[in-house]
Amino acid sequence: YFDLHCDTLNRIVDENLDFFSVSLFAGGLSNVHFDKRYQCFAVW
């Protein structure tokens, strides 16, 4: 899976979340669903 856009960095900063928070749709825990994953993380 290759995803060209997510806003996960903003949620991490705004909500003081850890990258492995279960509330993040593109966080570290979501990696288990893919053999290989390239994820674009936008700063906004």
PDB file of all heavy atoms in Angstrom:
ATOM      1  N   TYR A   1       0.836  -1.206   0.000  1.00  0.00           N
ATOM      2  CA  TYR A   1       0.000   0.000   0.000  1.00  0.00           C
ATOM      3  C   TYR A   1       0.871   1.257   0.000  1.00  0.00           C
ATOM      4  O   TYR A   1       1.814   1.362   0.791  1.00  0.00           O
ATOM      5  CB  TYR A   1      -0.896  -0.017   1.238  1.00  0.00           C
ATOM      6  CG  TYR A   1      -1.766   1.204   1.449  1.00  0.00           C
ATOM      7  CD1 TYR A   1      -2.698   1.589   0.490  1.00  0.00           C
ATOM      8  CD2 TYR A   1      -1.676   1.963   2.619  1.00  0.00           C
ATOM      9  CE1 TYR A   1      -3.518   2.698   0.685  1.00  0.00           C
ATOM     10  CE2 TYR A   1      -2.490   3.065   2.821  1.00  0.00           C
ATOM     11  CZ  TYR A   1      -3.409   3.430   1.855  1.00  0.00           C
ATOM     12  OH  TYR A   1      -4.215   4.524   2.052  1.00  0.00           O
ATOM     13  N   PHE A   2       0.571   2.173  -0.900  1.00  0.00           N
ATOM     14  CA  PHE A   2       1.247   3.470  -0.973  1.00  0.00           C
ATOM     15  C   PHE A   2       0.172   4.547  -0.879  1.00  0.00           C
ATOM     16  O   PHE A   2      -0.715   4.600  -1.711  1.00  0.00           O
ATOM     17  CB  PHE A   2       2.009   3.594  -2.294  1.00  0.00           C
ATOM     18  CG  PHE A   2       3.072   4.666  -2.313  1.00  0.00           C
ATOM     19  CD1 PHE A   2       4.379   4.346  -2.641  1.00  0.00           C
ATOM     20  CD2 PHE A   2       2.771   5.986  -2.021  1.00  0.00           C
ATOM     21  CE1 PHE A   2       5.375   5.313  -2.666  1.00  0.00           C
ATOM     22  CE2 PHE A   2       3.752   6.977  -2.056  1.00  0.00           C
ATOM     23  CZ  PHE A   2       5.059   6.642  -2.384  1.00  0.00           C
ATOM     24  N   ASP A   3       0.269   5.391   0.130  1.00  0.00           N
ATOM     25  CA  ASP A   3      -0.739   6.420   0.394  1.00  0.00           C
ATOM     26  C   ASP A   3      -0.094   7.800   0.225  1.00  0.00           C
ATOM     27  O   ASP A   3       0.858   8.141   0.924  1.00  0.00           O
ATOM     28  CB  ASP A   3      -1.260   6.247   1.821  1.00  0.00           C
ATOM     29  CG  ASP A   3      -2.440   7.147   2.143  1.00  0.00           C
ATOM     30  OD1 ASP A   3      -2.745   8.059   1.355  1.00  0.00           O
ATOM     31  OD2 ASP A   3      -3.070   6.920   3.197  1.00  0.00           O
ATOM     32  N   LEU A   4      -0.635   8.594  -0.689  1.00  0.00           N
ATOM     33  CA  LEU A   4      -0.044   9.890  -1.006  1.00  0.00           C
ATOM     34  C   LEU A   4      -0.376  11.003  -0.015  1.00  0.00           C
ATOM     35  O   LEU A   4       0.239  12.078  -0.087  1.00  0.00           O
ATOM     36  CB  LEU A   4      -0.482  10.342  -2.415  1.00  0.00           C
ATOM     37  CG  LEU A   4       0.071   9.536  -3.588  1.00  0.00           C
ATOM     38  CD1 LEU A   4      -0.575   9.998  -4.891  1.00  0.00           C
ATOM     39  CD2 LEU A   4       1.582   9.656  -3.668  1.00  0.00           C
ATOM     40  N   HIS A   5      -1.306  10.769   0.906  1.00  0.00           N
ATOM     41  CA  HIS A   5      -1.642  11.869   1.819  1.00  0.00           C
ATOM     42  C   HIS A   5      -2.341  11.413   3.093  1.00  0.00           C
ATOM     43  O   HIS A   5      -3.330  10.678   3.047  1.00  0.00           O
ATOM     44  CB  HIS A   5      -2.547  12.888   1.132  1.00  0.00           C
ATOM     45  CG  HIS A   5      -2.866  14.063   2.007  1.00  0.00           C
ATOM     46  ND1 HIS A   5      -1.993  15.109   2.186  1.00  0.00           N
ATOM     47  CD2 HIS A   5      -3.937  14.354   2.782  1.00  0.00           C
ATOM     48  CE1 HIS A   5      -2.513  15.986   3.025  1.00  0.00           C
ATOM     49  NE2 HIS A   5      -3.703  15.547   3.402  1.00  0.00           N
ATOM     50  N   CYS A   6      -1.841  11.882   4.226  1.00  0.00           N
ATOM     51  CA  CYS A   6      -2.567  11.800   5.497  1.00  0.00           C
ATOM     52  C   CYS A   6      -2.166  13.002   6.350  1.00  0.00           C
ATOM     53  O   CYS A   6      -1.171  13.671   6.076  1.00  0.00           O
ATOM     54  CB  CYS A   6      -2.274  10.494   6.241  1.00  0.00           C
ATOM     55  SG  CYS A   6      -0.667  10.427   7.070  1.00  0.00           S
ATOM     56  N   ASP A   7      -2.955  13.280   7.375  1.00  0.00           N
ATOM     57  CA  ASP A   7      -2.709  14.414   8.270  1.00  0.00           C
ATOM     58  C   ASP A   7      -2.369  13.946   9.677  1.00  0.00           C
ATOM     59  O   ASP A   7      -2.642  14.626  10.660  1.00  0.00           O
ATOM     60  CB  ASP A   7      -3.943  15.326   8.306  1.00  0.00           C
ATOM     61  CG  ASP A   7      -4.122  16.098   7.011  1.00  0.00           C
ATOM     62  OD1 ASP A   7      -3.273  16.954   6.724  1.00  0.00           O
ATOM     63  OD2 ASP A   7      -5.103  15.838   6.288  1.00  0.00           O
ATOM     64  N   THR A   8      -1.747  12.798   9.769  1.00  0.00           N
ATOM     65  CA  THR A   8      -1.446  12.182  11.061  1.00  0.00           C
ATOM     66  C   THR A   8      -0.515  13.038  11.910  1.00  0.00           C
ATOM     67  O   THR A   8      -0.659  13.108  13.142  1.00  0.00           O
ATOM     68  CB  THR A   8      -0.842  10.788  10.830  1.00  0.00           C
ATOM     69  OG1 THR A   8      -1.736  10.033  10.002  1.00  0.00           O
ATOM     70  CG2 THR A   8      -0.616  10.061  12.138  1.00  0.00           C
ATOM     71  N   LEU A   9       0.459  13.704  11.291  1.00  0.00           N
ATOM     72  CA  LEU A   9       1.392  14.544  12.059  1.00  0.00           C
ATOM     73  C   LEU A   9       0.649  15.639  12.818  1.00  0.00           C
ATOM     74  O   LEU A   9       0.987  15.956  13.959  1.00  0.00           O
ATOM     75  CB  LEU A   9       2.436  15.170  11.135  1.00  0.00           C
ATOM     76  CG  LEU A   9       3.414  14.217  10.455  1.00  0.00           C
ATOM     77  CD1 LEU A   9       4.338  14.990   9.524  1.00  0.00           C
ATOM     78  CD2 LEU A   9       4.212  13.423  11.475  1.00  0.00           C
ATOM     79  N   ASN A  10      -0.347  16.225  12.179  1.00  0.00           N
ATOM     80  CA  ASN A  10      -1.122  17.275  12.844  1.00  0.00           C
ATOM     81  C   ASN A  10      -1.868  16.736  14.056  1.00  0.00           C
ATOM     82  O   ASN A  10      -1.903  17.375  15.108  1.00  0.00           O
ATOM     83  CB  ASN A  10      -2.106  17.919  11.863  1.00  0.00           C
ATOM     84  CG  ASN A  10      -1.408  18.725  10.801  1.00  0.00           C
ATOM     85  OD1 ASN A  10      -1.180  18.247   9.704  1.00  0.00           O
ATOM     86  ND2 ASN A  10      -1.043  19.951  11.117  1.00  0.00           N
ATOM     87  N   ARG A  11      -2.445  15.545  13.915  1.00  0.00           N
ATOM     88  CA  ARG A  11      -3.161  14.966  15.050  1.00  0.00           C
ATOM     89  C   ARG A  11      -2.198  14.635  16.191  1.00  0.00           C
ATOM     90  O   ARG A  11      -2.530  14.834  17.363  1.00  0.00           O
ATOM     91  CB  ARG A  11      -3.919  13.711  14.612  1.00  0.00           C
ATOM     92  CG  ARG A  11      -5.196  14.007  13.818  1.00  0.00           C
ATOM     93  CD  ARG A  11      -6.133  12.813  13.833  1.00  0.00           C
ATOM     94  NE  ARG A  11      -6.546  12.469  15.190  1.00  0.00           N
ATOM     95  CZ  ARG A  11      -7.014  11.274  15.547  1.00  0.00           C
ATOM     96  NH1 ARG A  11      -7.109  10.307  14.646  1.00  0.00           N
ATOM     97  NH2 ARG A  11      -7.368  11.036  16.792  1.00  0.00           N
ATOM     98  N   ILE A  12      -1.024  14.141  15.849  1.00  0.00           N
ATOM     99  CA  ILE A  12      -0.042  13.821  16.883  1.00  0.00           C
ATOM    100  C   ILE A  12       0.327  15.065  17.678  1.00  0.00           C
ATOM    101  O   ILE A  12       0.384  15.044  18.915  1.00  0.00           O
ATOM    102  CB  ILE A  12       1.211  13.182  16.250  1.00  0.00           C
ATOM    103  CG1 ILE A  12       0.885  11.774  15.741  1.00  0.00           C
ATOM    104  CG2 ILE A  12       2.361  13.127  17.258  1.00  0.00           C
ATOM    105  CD1 ILE A  12       2.014  11.133  14.948  1.00  0.00           C
ATOM    106  N   VAL A  13       0.562  16.173  16.969  1.00  0.00           N
ATOM    107  CA  VAL A  13       0.948  17.425  17.632  1.00  0.00           C
ATOM    108  C   VAL A  13      -0.245  18.050  18.356  1.00  0.00           C
ATOM    109  O   VAL A  13      -0.145  18.432  19.528  1.00  0.00           O
ATOM    110  CB  VAL A  13       1.540  18.419  16.616  1.00  0.00           C
ATOM    111  CG1 VAL A  13       1.783  19.782  17.262  1.00  0.00           C
ATOM    112  CG2 VAL A  13       2.850  17.878  16.047  1.00  0.00           C
ATOM    113  N   ASP A  14      -1.377  18.154  17.686  1.00  0.00           N
ATOM    114  CA  ASP A  14      -2.542  18.846  18.255  1.00  0.00           C
ATOM    115  C   ASP A  14      -3.126  18.120  19.461  1.00  0.00           C
ATOM    116  O   ASP A  14      -3.607  18.749  20.411  1.00  0.00           O
ATOM    117  CB  ASP A  14      -3.635  19.002  17.198  1.00  0.00           C
ATOM    118  CG  ASP A  14      -3.241  19.952  16.083  1.00  0.00           C
ATOM    119  OD1 ASP A  14      -2.280  20.722  16.271  1.00  0.00           O
ATOM    120  OD2 ASP A  14      -3.888  19.916  15.012  1.00  0.00           O
ATOM    121  N   GLU A  15      -3.110  16.790  19.410  1.00  0.00           N
ATOM    122  CA  GLU A  15      -3.753  15.996  20.460  1.00  0.00           C
ATOM    123  C   GLU A  15      -2.751  15.334  21.397  1.00  0.00           C
ATOM    124  O   GLU A  15      -3.140  14.550  22.269  1.00  0.00           O
ATOM    125  CB  GLU A  15      -4.651  14.929  19.816  1.00  0.00           C
ATOM    126  CG  GLU A  15      -5.743  15.514  18.925  1.00  0.00           C
ATOM    127  CD  GLU A  15      -6.519  14.445  18.173  1.00  0.00           C
ATOM    128  OE1 GLU A  15      -6.788  13.383  18.769  1.00  0.00           O
ATOM    129  OE2 GLU A  15      -6.835  14.662  16.979  1.00  0.00           O
ATOM    130  N   ASN A  16      -1.473  15.651  21.196  1.00  0.00           N
ATOM    131  CA  ASN A  16      -0.405  15.082  22.032  1.00  0.00           C
ATOM    132  C   ASN A  16      -0.475  13.556  22.045  1.00  0.00           C
ATOM    133  O   ASN A  16      -0.458  12.913  23.093  1.00  0.00           O
ATOM    134  CB  ASN A  16      -0.481  15.635  23.458  1.00  0.00           C
ATOM    135  CG  ASN A  16       0.776  15.340  24.259  1.00  0.00           C
ATOM    136  OD1 ASN A  16       1.868  15.203  23.707  1.00  0.00           O
ATOM    137  ND2 ASN A  16       0.635  15.228  25.568  1.00  0.00           N
ATOM    138  N   LEU A  17      -0.535  12.984  20.838  1.00  0.00           N
ATOM    139  CA  LEU A  17      -0.677  11.545  20.692  1.00  0.00           C
ATOM    140  C   LEU A  17       0.671  10.887  20.412  1.00  0.00           C
ATOM    141  O   LEU A  17       1.594  11.518  19.894  1.00  0.00           O
ATOM    142  CB  LEU A  17      -1.633  11.219  19.541  1.00  0.00           C
ATOM    143  CG  LEU A  17      -3.087  11.644  19.696  1.00  0.00           C
ATOM    144  CD1 LEU A  17      -3.843  11.377  18.402  1.00  0.00           C
ATOM    145  CD2 LEU A  17      -3.745  10.918  20.866  1.00  0.00           C
ATOM    146  N   ASP A  18       0.752   9.632  20.716  1.00  0.00           N
ATOM    147  CA  ASP A  18       1.880   8.813  20.329  1.00  0.00           C
ATOM    148  C   ASP A  18       1.584   8.214  18.953  1.00  0.00           C
ATOM    149  O   ASP A  18       0.429   7.942  18.611  1.00  0.00           O
ATOM    150  CB  ASP A  18       2.075   7.693  21.356  1.00  0.00           C
ATOM    151  CG  ASP A  18       3.274   6.823  21.047  1.00  0.00           C
ATOM    152  OD1 ASP A  18       3.102   5.844  20.290  1.00  0.00           O
ATOM    153  OD2 ASP A  18       4.367   7.124  21.550  1.00  0.00           O
ATOM    154  N   PHE A  19       2.621   7.998  18.146  1.00  0.00           N
ATOM    155  CA  PHE A  19       2.441   7.441  16.810  1.00  0.00           C
ATOM    156  C   PHE A  19       1.705   6.097  16.830  1.00  0.00           C
ATOM    157  O   PHE A  19       1.060   5.719  15.863  1.00  0.00           O
ATOM    158  CB  PHE A  19       3.803   7.294  16.125  1.00  0.00           C
ATOM    159  CG  PHE A  19       3.762   6.703  14.737  1.00  0.00           C
ATOM    160  CD1 PHE A  19       2.984   7.283  13.747  1.00  0.00           C
ATOM    161  CD2 PHE A  19       4.501   5.574  14.427  1.00  0.00           C
ATOM    162  CE1 PHE A  19       2.945   6.742  12.462  1.00  0.00           C
ATOM    163  CE2 PHE A  19       4.469   5.026  13.154  1.00  0.00           C
ATOM    164  CZ  PHE A  19       3.693   5.615  12.174  1.00  0.00           C
ATOM    165  N   PHE A  20       1.785   5.395  17.944  1.00  0.00           N
ATOM    166  CA  PHE A  20       1.146   4.085  18.055  1.00  0.00           C
ATOM    167  C   PHE A  20      -0.212   4.153  18.751  1.00  0.00           C
ATOM    168  O   PHE A  20      -0.746   3.136  19.182  1.00  0.00           O
ATOM    169  CB  PHE A  20       2.078   3.112  18.786  1.00  0.00           C
ATOM    170  CG  PHE A  20       3.332   2.823  18.021  1.00  0.00           C
ATOM    171  CD1 PHE A  20       4.480   3.561  18.249  1.00  0.00           C
ATOM    172  CD2 PHE A  20       3.368   1.845  17.044  1.00  0.00           C
ATOM    173  CE1 PHE A  20       5.638   3.314  17.532  1.00  0.00           C
ATOM    174  CE2 PHE A  20       4.517   1.587  16.326  1.00  0.00           C
ATOM    175  CZ  PHE A  20       5.664   2.329  16.567  1.00  0.00           C
ATOM    176  N   SER A  21      -0.779   5.353  18.826  1.00  0.00           N
ATOM    177  CA  SER A  21      -2.110   5.506  19.413  1.00  0.00           C
ATOM    178  C   SER A  21      -3.147   4.752  18.581  1.00  0.00           C
ATOM    179  O   SER A  21      -3.134   4.805  17.342  1.00  0.00           O
ATOM    180  CB  SER A  21      -2.483   6.987  19.488  1.00  0.00           C
ATOM    181  OG  SER A  21      -3.849   7.148  19.808  1.00  0.00           O
ATOM    182  N   VAL A  22      -4.061   4.075  19.257  1.00  0.00           N
ATOM    183  CA  VAL A  22      -5.106   3.322  18.545  1.00  0.00           C
ATOM    184  C   VAL A  22      -6.075   4.250  17.821  1.00  0.00           C
ATOM    185  O   VAL A  22      -6.832   3.793  16.953  1.00  0.00           O
ATOM    186  CB  VAL A  22      -5.895   2.420  19.522  1.00  0.00           C
ATOM    187  CG1 VAL A  22      -4.998   1.338  20.094  1.00  0.00           C
ATOM    188  CG2 VAL A  22      -6.549   3.239  20.635  1.00  0.00           C
ATOM    189  N   SER A  23      -6.065   5.528  18.132  1.00  0.00           N
ATOM    190  CA  SER A  23      -7.001   6.454  17.501  1.00  0.00           C
ATOM    191  C   SER A  23      -6.517   6.962  16.146  1.00  0.00           C
ATOM    192  O   SER A  23      -7.279   7.592  15.411  1.00  0.00           O
ATOM    193  CB  SER A  23      -7.266   7.649  18.430  1.00  0.00           C
ATOM    194  OG  SER A  23      -6.142   8.501  18.489  1.00  0.00           O
ATOM    195  N   LEU A  24      -5.263   6.695  15.796  1.00  0.00           N
ATOM    196  CA  LEU A  24      -4.711   7.185  14.533  1.00  0.00           C
ATOM    197  C   LEU A  24      -4.992   6.215  13.395  1.00  0.00           C
ATOM    198  O   LEU A  24      -4.676   5.027  13.470  1.00  0.00           O
ATOM    199  CB  LEU A  24      -3.207   7.407  14.662  1.00  0.00           C
ATOM    200  CG  LEU A  24      -2.769   8.560  15.569  1.00  0.00           C
ATOM    201  CD1 LEU A  24      -1.245   8.566  15.701  1.00  0.00           C
ATOM    202  CD2 LEU A  24      -3.261   9.898  15.047  1.00  0.00           C
ATOM    203  N   PHE A  25      -5.567   6.722  12.310  1.00  0.00           N
ATOM    204  CA  PHE A  25      -5.889   5.889  11.155  1.00  0.00           C
ATOM    205  C   PHE A  25      -4.637   5.528  10.354  1.00  0.00           C
ATOM    206  O   PHE A  25      -4.612   4.514   9.664  1.00  0.00           O
ATOM    207  CB  PHE A  25      -6.890   6.610  10.243  1.00  0.00           C
ATOM    208  CG  PHE A  25      -8.302   6.583  10.743  1.00  0.00           C
ATOM    209  CD1 PHE A  25      -8.588   6.356  12.077  1.00  0.00           C
ATOM    210  CD2 PHE A  25      -9.354   6.783   9.873  1.00  0.00           C
ATOM    211  CE1 PHE A  25      -9.899   6.332  12.545  1.00  0.00           C
ATOM    212  CE2 PHE A  25     -10.676   6.763  10.322  1.00  0.00           C
ATOM    213  CZ  PHE A  25     -10.937   6.535  11.659  1.00  0.00           C
ATOM    214  N   ALA A  26      -3.622   6.379  10.401  1.00  0.00           N
ATOM    215  CA  ALA A  26      -2.379   6.112   9.668  1.00  0.00           C
ATOM    216  C   ALA A  26      -1.203   6.043  10.633  1.00  0.00           C
ATOM    217  O   ALA A  26      -0.084   6.409  10.301  1.00  0.00           O
ATOM    218  CB  ALA A  26      -2.138   7.174   8.600  1.00  0.00           C
ATOM    219  N   GLY A  27      -1.460   5.571  11.834  1.00  0.00           N
ATOM    220  CA  GLY A  27      -0.413   5.429  12.839  1.00  0.00           C
ATOM    221  C   GLY A  27       0.300   4.097  12.733  1.00  0.00           C
ATOM    222  O   GLY A  27       0.000   3.258  11.874  1.00  0.00           O
ATOM    223  N   GLY A  28       1.252   3.891  13.637  1.00  0.00           N
ATOM    224  CA  GLY A  28       2.091   2.709  13.588  1.00  0.00           C
ATOM    225  C   GLY A  28       1.351   1.396  13.688  1.00  0.00           C
ATOM    226  O   GLY A  28       1.741   0.403  13.077  1.00  0.00           O
ATOM    227  N   LEU A  29       0.261   1.353  14.443  1.00  0.00           N
ATOM    228  CA  LEU A  29      -0.467   0.098  14.623  1.00  0.00           C
ATOM    229  C   LEU A  29      -1.149  -0.372  13.338  1.00  0.00           C
ATOM    230  O   LEU A  29      -1.446  -1.558  13.188  1.00  0.00           O
ATOM    231  CB  LEU A  29      -1.505   0.245  15.741  1.00  0.00           C
ATOM    232  CG  LEU A  29      -0.949   0.421  17.158  1.00  0.00           C
ATOM    233  CD1 LEU A  29      -2.080   0.591  18.156  1.00  0.00           C
ATOM    234  CD2 LEU A  29      -0.079  -0.776  17.553  1.00  0.00           C
ATOM    235  N   SER A  30      -1.385   0.555  12.402  1.00  0.00           N
ATOM    236  CA  SER A  30      -2.059   0.169  11.156  1.00  0.00           C
ATOM    237  C   SER A  30      -1.136  -0.579  10.206  1.00  0.00           C
ATOM    238  O   SER A  30      -1.593  -1.143   9.209  1.00  0.00           O
ATOM    239  CB  SER A  30      -2.621   1.417  10.455  1.00  0.00           C
ATOM    240  OG  SER A  30      -1.582   2.284  10.042  1.00  0.00           O
ATOM    241  N   ASN A  31       0.170  -0.613  10.502  1.00  0.00           N
ATOM    242  CA  ASN A  31       1.110  -1.285   9.613  1.00  0.00           C
ATOM    243  C   ASN A  31       0.863  -2.780   9.507  1.00  0.00           C
ATOM    244  O   ASN A  31       1.272  -3.418   8.538  1.00  0.00           O
ATOM    245  CB  ASN A  31       2.545  -1.055  10.097  1.00  0.00           C
ATOM    246  CG  ASN A  31       2.967   0.380   9.955  1.00  0.00           C
ATOM    247  OD1 ASN A  31       2.496   1.093   9.078  1.00  0.00           O
ATOM    248  ND2 ASN A  31       3.853   0.835  10.825  1.00  0.00           N
ATOM    249  N   VAL A  32       0.219  -3.368  10.506  1.00  0.00           N
ATOM    250  CA  VAL A  32       0.033  -4.822  10.523  1.00  0.00           C
ATOM    251  C   VAL A  32      -0.828  -5.304   9.356  1.00  0.00           C
ATOM    252  O   VAL A  32      -0.857  -6.493   9.060  1.00  0.00           O
ATOM    253  CB  VAL A  32      -0.600  -5.289  11.853  1.00  0.00           C
ATOM    254  CG1 VAL A  32       0.299  -4.937  13.022  1.00  0.00           C
ATOM    255  CG2 VAL A  32      -1.991  -4.678  12.043  1.00  0.00           C
ATOM    256  N   HIS A  33      -1.525  -4.389   8.697  1.00  0.00           N
ATOM    257  CA  HIS A  33      -2.431  -4.783   7.628  1.00  0.00           C
ATOM    258  C   HIS A  33      -1.743  -4.903   6.268  1.00  0.00           C
ATOM    259  O   HIS A  33      -2.384  -5.271   5.289  1.00  0.00           O
ATOM    260  CB  HIS A  33      -3.584  -3.779   7.526  1.00  0.00           C
ATOM    261  CG  HIS A  33      -4.294  -3.547   8.819  1.00  0.00           C
ATOM    262  ND1 HIS A  33      -4.998  -4.537   9.456  1.00  0.00           N
ATOM    263  CD2 HIS A  33      -4.381  -2.445   9.608  1.00  0.00           C
ATOM    264  CE1 HIS A  33      -5.508  -4.050  10.588  1.00  0.00           C
ATOM    265  NE2 HIS A  33      -5.135  -2.793  10.696  1.00  0.00           N
ATOM    266  N   PHE A  34      -0.449  -4.600   6.201  1.00  0.00           N
ATOM    267  CA  PHE A  34       0.235  -4.553   4.912  1.00  0.00           C
ATOM    268  C   PHE A  34       1.572  -5.281   4.951  1.00  0.00           C
ATOM    269  O   PHE A  34       2.264  -5.289   5.960  1.00  0.00           O
ATOM    270  CB  PHE A  34       0.474  -3.093   4.499  1.00  0.00           C
ATOM    271  CG  PHE A  34      -0.741  -2.224   4.662  1.00  0.00           C
ATOM    272  CD1 PHE A  34      -0.828  -1.313   5.697  1.00  0.00           C
ATOM    273  CD2 PHE A  34      -1.809  -2.343   3.791  1.00  0.00           C
ATOM    274  CE1 PHE A  34      -1.950  -0.528   5.867  1.00  0.00           C
ATOM    275  CE2 PHE A  34      -2.942  -1.569   3.949  1.00  0.00           C
ATOM    276  CZ  PHE A  34      -3.019  -0.657   4.985  1.00  0.00           C
ATOM    277  N   ASP A  35       1.932  -5.884   3.811  1.00  0.00           N
ATOM    278  CA  ASP A  35       3.266  -6.475   3.674  1.00  0.00           C
ATOM    279  C   ASP A  35       4.312  -5.373   3.526  1.00  0.00           C
ATOM    280  O   ASP A  35       5.409  -5.454   4.065  1.00  0.00           O
ATOM    281  CB  ASP A  35       3.306  -7.396   2.452  1.00  0.00           C
ATOM    282  CG  ASP A  35       2.349  -8.567   2.587  1.00  0.00           C
ATOM    283  OD1 ASP A  35       2.279  -9.154   3.682  1.00  0.00           O
ATOM    284  OD2 ASP A  35       1.659  -8.872   1.598  1.00  0.00           O
ATOM    285  N   LYS A  36       3.938  -4.351   2.771  1.00  0.00           N
ATOM    286  CA  LYS A  36       4.814  -3.212   2.557  1.00  0.00           C
ATOM    287  C   LYS A  36       3.946  -1.949   2.512  1.00  0.00           C
ATOM    288  O   LYS A  36       2.879  -1.953   1.889  1.00  0.00           O
ATOM    289  CB  LYS A  36       5.575  -3.368   1.243  1.00  0.00           C
ATOM    290  CG  LYS A  36       6.663  -2.344   0.993  1.00  0.00           C
ATOM    291  CD  LYS A  36       7.267  -2.520  -0.393  1.00  0.00           C
ATOM    292  CE  LYS A  36       7.885  -3.906  -0.540  1.00  0.00           C
ATOM    293  NZ  LYS A  36       8.441  -4.093  -1.922  1.00  0.00           N
ATOM    294  N   ARG A  37       4.397  -0.901   3.188  1.00  0.00           N
ATOM    295  CA  ARG A  37       3.605   0.326   3.220  1.00  0.00           C
ATOM    296  C   ARG A  37       4.505   1.549   3.104  1.00  0.00           C
ATOM    297  O   ARG A  37       5.462   1.705   3.851  1.00  0.00           O
ATOM    298  CB  ARG A  37       2.808   0.420   4.522  1.00  0.00           C
ATOM    299  CG  ARG A  37       2.031   1.728   4.675  1.00  0.00           C
ATOM    300  CD  ARG A  37       1.245   1.723   5.964  1.00  0.00           C
ATOM    301  NE  ARG A  37       0.786   3.058   6.297  1.00  0.00           N
ATOM    302  CZ  ARG A  37       0.506   3.474   7.520  1.00  0.00           C
ATOM    303  NH1 ARG A  37       0.648   2.646   8.536  1.00  0.00           N
ATOM    304  NH2 ARG A  37       0.099   4.697   7.747  1.00  0.00           N
ATOM    305  N   TYR A  38       4.187   2.393   2.120  1.00  0.00           N
ATOM    306  CA  TYR A  38       4.824   3.692   1.973  1.00  0.00           C
ATOM    307  C   TYR A  38       3.752   4.729   2.306  1.00  0.00           C
ATOM    308  O   TYR A  38       2.702   4.761   1.661  1.00  0.00           O
ATOM    309  CB  TYR A  38       5.317   3.909   0.549  1.00  0.00           C
ATOM    310  CG  TYR A  38       6.622   3.224   0.226  1.00  0.00           C
ATOM    311  CD1 TYR A  38       6.805   1.863   0.483  1.00  0.00           C
ATOM    312  CD2 TYR A  38       7.668   3.920  -0.359  1.00  0.00           C
ATOM    313  CE1 TYR A  38       8.001   1.228   0.183  1.00  0.00           C
ATOM    314  CE2 TYR A  38       8.865   3.304  -0.661  1.00  0.00           C
ATOM    315  CZ  TYR A  38       9.028   1.957  -0.399  1.00  0.00           C
ATOM    316  OH  TYR A  38      10.213   1.330  -0.696  1.00  0.00           O
ATOM    317  N   GLN A  39       4.018   5.554   3.314  1.00  0.00           N
ATOM    318  CA  GLN A  39       3.013   6.513   3.784  1.00  0.00           C
ATOM    319  C   GLN A  39       3.555   7.934   3.728  1.00  0.00           C
ATOM    320  O   GLN A  39       4.566   8.250   4.341  1.00  0.00           O
ATOM    321  CB  GLN A  39       2.596   6.191   5.212  1.00  0.00           C
ATOM    322  CG  GLN A  39       1.565   7.147   5.787  1.00  0.00           C
ATOM    323  CD  GLN A  39       0.230   7.064   5.056  1.00  0.00           C
ATOM    324  OE1 GLN A  39      -0.379   5.989   4.986  1.00  0.00           O
ATOM    325  NE2 GLN A  39      -0.235   8.183   4.513  1.00  0.00           N
ATOM    326  N   CYS A  40       2.874   8.777   2.967  1.00  0.00           N
ATOM    327  CA  CYS A  40       3.212  10.199   2.934  1.00  0.00           C
ATOM    328  C   CYS A  40       2.563  10.880   4.131  1.00  0.00           C
ATOM    329  O   CYS A  40       1.353  10.764   4.342  1.00  0.00           O
ATOM    330  CB  CYS A  40       2.720  10.840   1.643  1.00  0.00           C
ATOM    331  SG  CYS A  40       3.599  10.269   0.168  1.00  0.00           S
ATOM    332  N   PHE A  41       3.373  11.601   4.906  1.00  0.00           N
ATOM    333  CA  PHE A  41       2.906  12.349   6.063  1.00  0.00           C
ATOM    334  C   PHE A  41       3.030  13.843   5.773  1.00  0.00           C
ATOM    335  O   PHE A  41       4.137  14.364   5.644  1.00  0.00           O
ATOM    336  CB  PHE A  41       3.733  12.007   7.305  1.00  0.00           C
ATOM    337  CG  PHE A  41       3.513  10.621   7.838  1.00  0.00           C
ATOM    338  CD1 PHE A  41       4.350   9.580   7.459  1.00  0.00           C
ATOM    339  CD2 PHE A  41       2.462  10.354   8.702  1.00  0.00           C
ATOM    340  CE1 PHE A  41       4.154   8.297   7.947  1.00  0.00           C
ATOM    341  CE2 PHE A  41       2.253   9.071   9.196  1.00  0.00           C
ATOM    342  CZ  PHE A  41       3.101   8.042   8.818  1.00  0.00           C
ATOM    343  N   ALA A  42       1.888  14.516   5.684  1.00  0.00           N
ATOM    344  CA  ALA A  42       1.904  15.945   5.363  1.00  0.00           C
ATOM    345  C   ALA A  42       2.090  16.802   6.611  1.00  0.00           C
ATOM    346  O   ALA A  42       1.573  16.476   7.683  1.00  0.00           O
ATOM    347  CB  ALA A  42       0.599  16.335   4.672  1.00  0.00           C
ATOM    348  N   VAL A  43       2.845  17.888   6.457  1.00  0.00           N
ATOM    349  CA  VAL A  43       2.832  18.953   7.464  1.00  0.00           C
ATOM    350  C   VAL A  43       1.905  20.037   6.927  1.00  0.00           C
ATOM    351  O   VAL A  43       1.968  20.399   5.757  1.00  0.00           O
ATOM    352  CB  VAL A  43       4.247  19.511   7.753  1.00  0.00           C
ATOM    353  CG1 VAL A  43       5.106  18.453   8.407  1.00  0.00           C
ATOM    354  CG2 VAL A  43       4.927  20.023   6.489  1.00  0.00           C
ATOM    355  N   TRP A  44       1.028  20.507   7.783  1.00  0.00           N
ATOM    356  CA  TRP A  44       0.010  21.477   7.371  1.00  0.00           C
ATOM    357  C   TRP A  44      -0.229  22.467   8.497  1.00  0.00           C
ATOM    358  O   TRP A  44      -0.144  22.111   9.689  1.00  0.00           O
ATOM    359  CB  TRP A  44      -1.316  20.762   7.061  1.00  0.00           C
ATOM    360  CG  TRP A  44      -2.447  21.706   6.749  1.00  0.00           C
ATOM    361  CD1 TRP A  44      -2.756  22.254   5.540  1.00  0.00           C
ATOM    362  CD2 TRP A  44      -3.423  22.235   7.668  1.00  0.00           C
ATOM    363  NE1 TRP A  44      -3.862  23.073   5.641  1.00  0.00           N
ATOM    364  CE2 TRP A  44      -4.289  23.080   6.948  1.00  0.00           C
ATOM    365  CE3 TRP A  44      -3.640  22.067   9.041  1.00  0.00           C
ATOM    366  CZ2 TRP A  44      -5.355  23.754   7.529  1.00  0.00           C
ATOM    367  CZ3 TRP A  44      -4.707  22.750   9.629  1.00  0.00           C
ATOM    368  CH2 TRP A  44      -5.554  23.574   8.884  1.00  0.00           C
TER     369      TRP A  44
END
